[in-house]
Amino acid sequence: MESFTKADKRTVYCGTLTSADIGREVTVTGWCQRQRDLGSLIFIDLRDRTGIVQLAFDDGTDREIFEKAFGIRAEYVLAAKGTVRSRGEGAINRNIPTGEIEIFVTSLKILASAETPPFAIVEKSDVKAELRLKHRYLDLRRPDLQRNIIARSEIVRIARNYFAEQGFIDIETPCLIKPTPEGARDYLVPSRVHQGKFYALPQSPQLYKQLLMYSGFDRYFQIARCFRDEDLRADRQPEFTQIDEEMSFADEEDIMAVNEGFLKKLFDEFMHQPLEIPFKRMTWKEAMNRFGSDKPDTRFGLELCDISDLVKDSGFSVFKGAVEAGGSVRGITVPGGAKMTRKEIDSLTDFVKTYGAKGLAWYKNTAGGPTSSFAKFLTEDETAAILDRMQVGEGDLALIVAAKNKVVWDSLGALRCEVAKRLGLIDKSKFNFLWVTEFPLLEYSEEDGRFYAMHHPFTMPMEEDLPLLDTDPGAVRARAYDCVLNGTELGGGSIRIHTTEMQTKMFEALGIGPEEAQEKFGFLLEAFEYGVPPHGGLAFGLDRVVCLLLGLEDIRDVIAFPKVQNASELLSKCPAPADPKALEELGIAVVKTEEEEEDV
């Protein structure tokens, strides 16, 4: 291969050349997208991160350069010098920005050759994800993925600039911290110096950003790396990035206003479209009752309707039993849904079963007469009352779930989205932002027989609910808020506890006694003794923000080197066994499980 010298340095990016550059001598560098040999003519499409430009070789080309061009194959790395010229009217390619021009090459160097790639480097590749991720360095050469990563960089730039303008100070917090007792599992890091002890990788910078408020910095900001050892989904990764913030002497209104301003700036500068603020607001209770979700997609209707009071004394044991057990009976009405086949309805029944529902009751109101899975168990008056409450007109379909409230909400919340997708009811051009507020402070685990913090144990309860901490902890609302976009939680936060008395009371509600609190959070409680300001914050999931703004469904498409479903990376094959000597130094022995021993 040929050496790279000063004379080969790029003077312009491939995709930026236009007809205004005709006659200009330029040097371009990049990868060969493809080579076309037409006998007396050779064309090479040269690609860099900005796009493609055509290199031209013809009878006027130096013979040695022409022969070199003849031998070039896909993904060879090249440096080419030449003069920009017009392609001529009949040869214009309207599909690319540089389609009116080409570079007549006068100097060509092959900086690196390449094997034939295992897949074509093209946009919207239909190659299996496993193969692309195994060769991620090749996958990342694809223009669509490069645009995604560059877009992510631009969004980070806008965030940094905006929060700096608002007086936030960019401060890094530690990545080796004390293991946390609540929430998702920590990734643990053994200490060589302190054998038998472990650091944890942060699930968020929560405690440190609060401590920064105690330290008087007033407004903190960070593009923060976070780690959670949990099962993965399309919008989850074991390591991810947050746009993380905290403010002192602020309440919910201040924090929401600052973040609405950020999103408006993001839409102005990145999306190039207006964004109306302030956003709509909805309490958690209203969101659950209307949409069955604390992150509702409001781009379409299909809202939940509670019919519990109409069926609590009915002869249909499924409905009556659910209400008697403290649950509810709710449903959605699908306009025009009566045209659905029984097979389609059965598939929806299977769908809700994955969310814990035992079945799906339905009523089709067709012109030829109604059909139903439950009407025969009810009186005519009861059925009429249900149809009236649910506003089931001719041609409509009613879908009903009876169970515990959580199952009803989960099932119908997911069902309305599934039906909307199948029937094409979602306007994908819309960006519906929403603040969901007043979340429950605590949630009860029947399995463990205790309360857990719904967000984290440092969230302030609503002042009017404080007496309920002693009498009815499950009814206490939190000063917490989530920013929701099109059915996805973009970010969330809360006003934090800032007094020893309130924090102690919160620990008591969680079953954390004084000794345990001191052991796990002693440094935080001690800091309370030295004057803590009222404060609160929020964190956006950067990966989700980028995904939604680009209209993508998988956050792996906006992360340079993502993990797969089992939290491994196919490219480097991590995680991998550690060197036995390193384990010995750490005082760690690896114990095989029974399953692993059976596999040997």
Foldseek 3Di string as FASTA:
>chain_A
DDDDDPVLDWPDEAQPDEPVQAFPKTKYKAWFLAWDPPPQKIWTWGDDLNGTAIEIEGPVEDPVVVVVSVPAGGGFIKMFIFGKHAPDPVQADPPGRHRGIHGHTHDMDRPGHDDDDPDRQEPPDPPDPLSCLQVLVSVCSRNLLSVLQVLLVVLVVLLVVLVVVVVADEDDDDQFAAADDDDAHWDWAFDLVDFPGTTTGAQDCVVVQQVVLLVPSFKYWYFDWHAGDDFDDLADFRIFTKGWMKGFPDAPVVFLVSVVVSVQSCCVPPVVDGDDDDAAEAAQVRCCQFQLDLFAQPQFHQTKFFCLVLPCPFQPCLSVVLVVVVATKIKTKAALCLVDDPVRQVVLQVQLVVLVFPGKWKWAQEPVGIDTPPVVRGDPVSVVVVCVRNVHDYSMMMIMTGHHSNSRSSSRNVSVVVVCVVVVVGDLVDKRKYKYFFAQQWDADPVVGAIAGPVHLFFAWDPVCVVCLVPPSRPITTQKMFIHISRDTQKIKHWTDQALVRSQSSCVRRVHDPVNCCVNPVVVSVSSVVDRGGMMIMMGRSLVVSCSSVVHRGSVSNDSFGADSNNARSNVGPPDDDDPVVCVSSVHDDDDDPVVVVVD
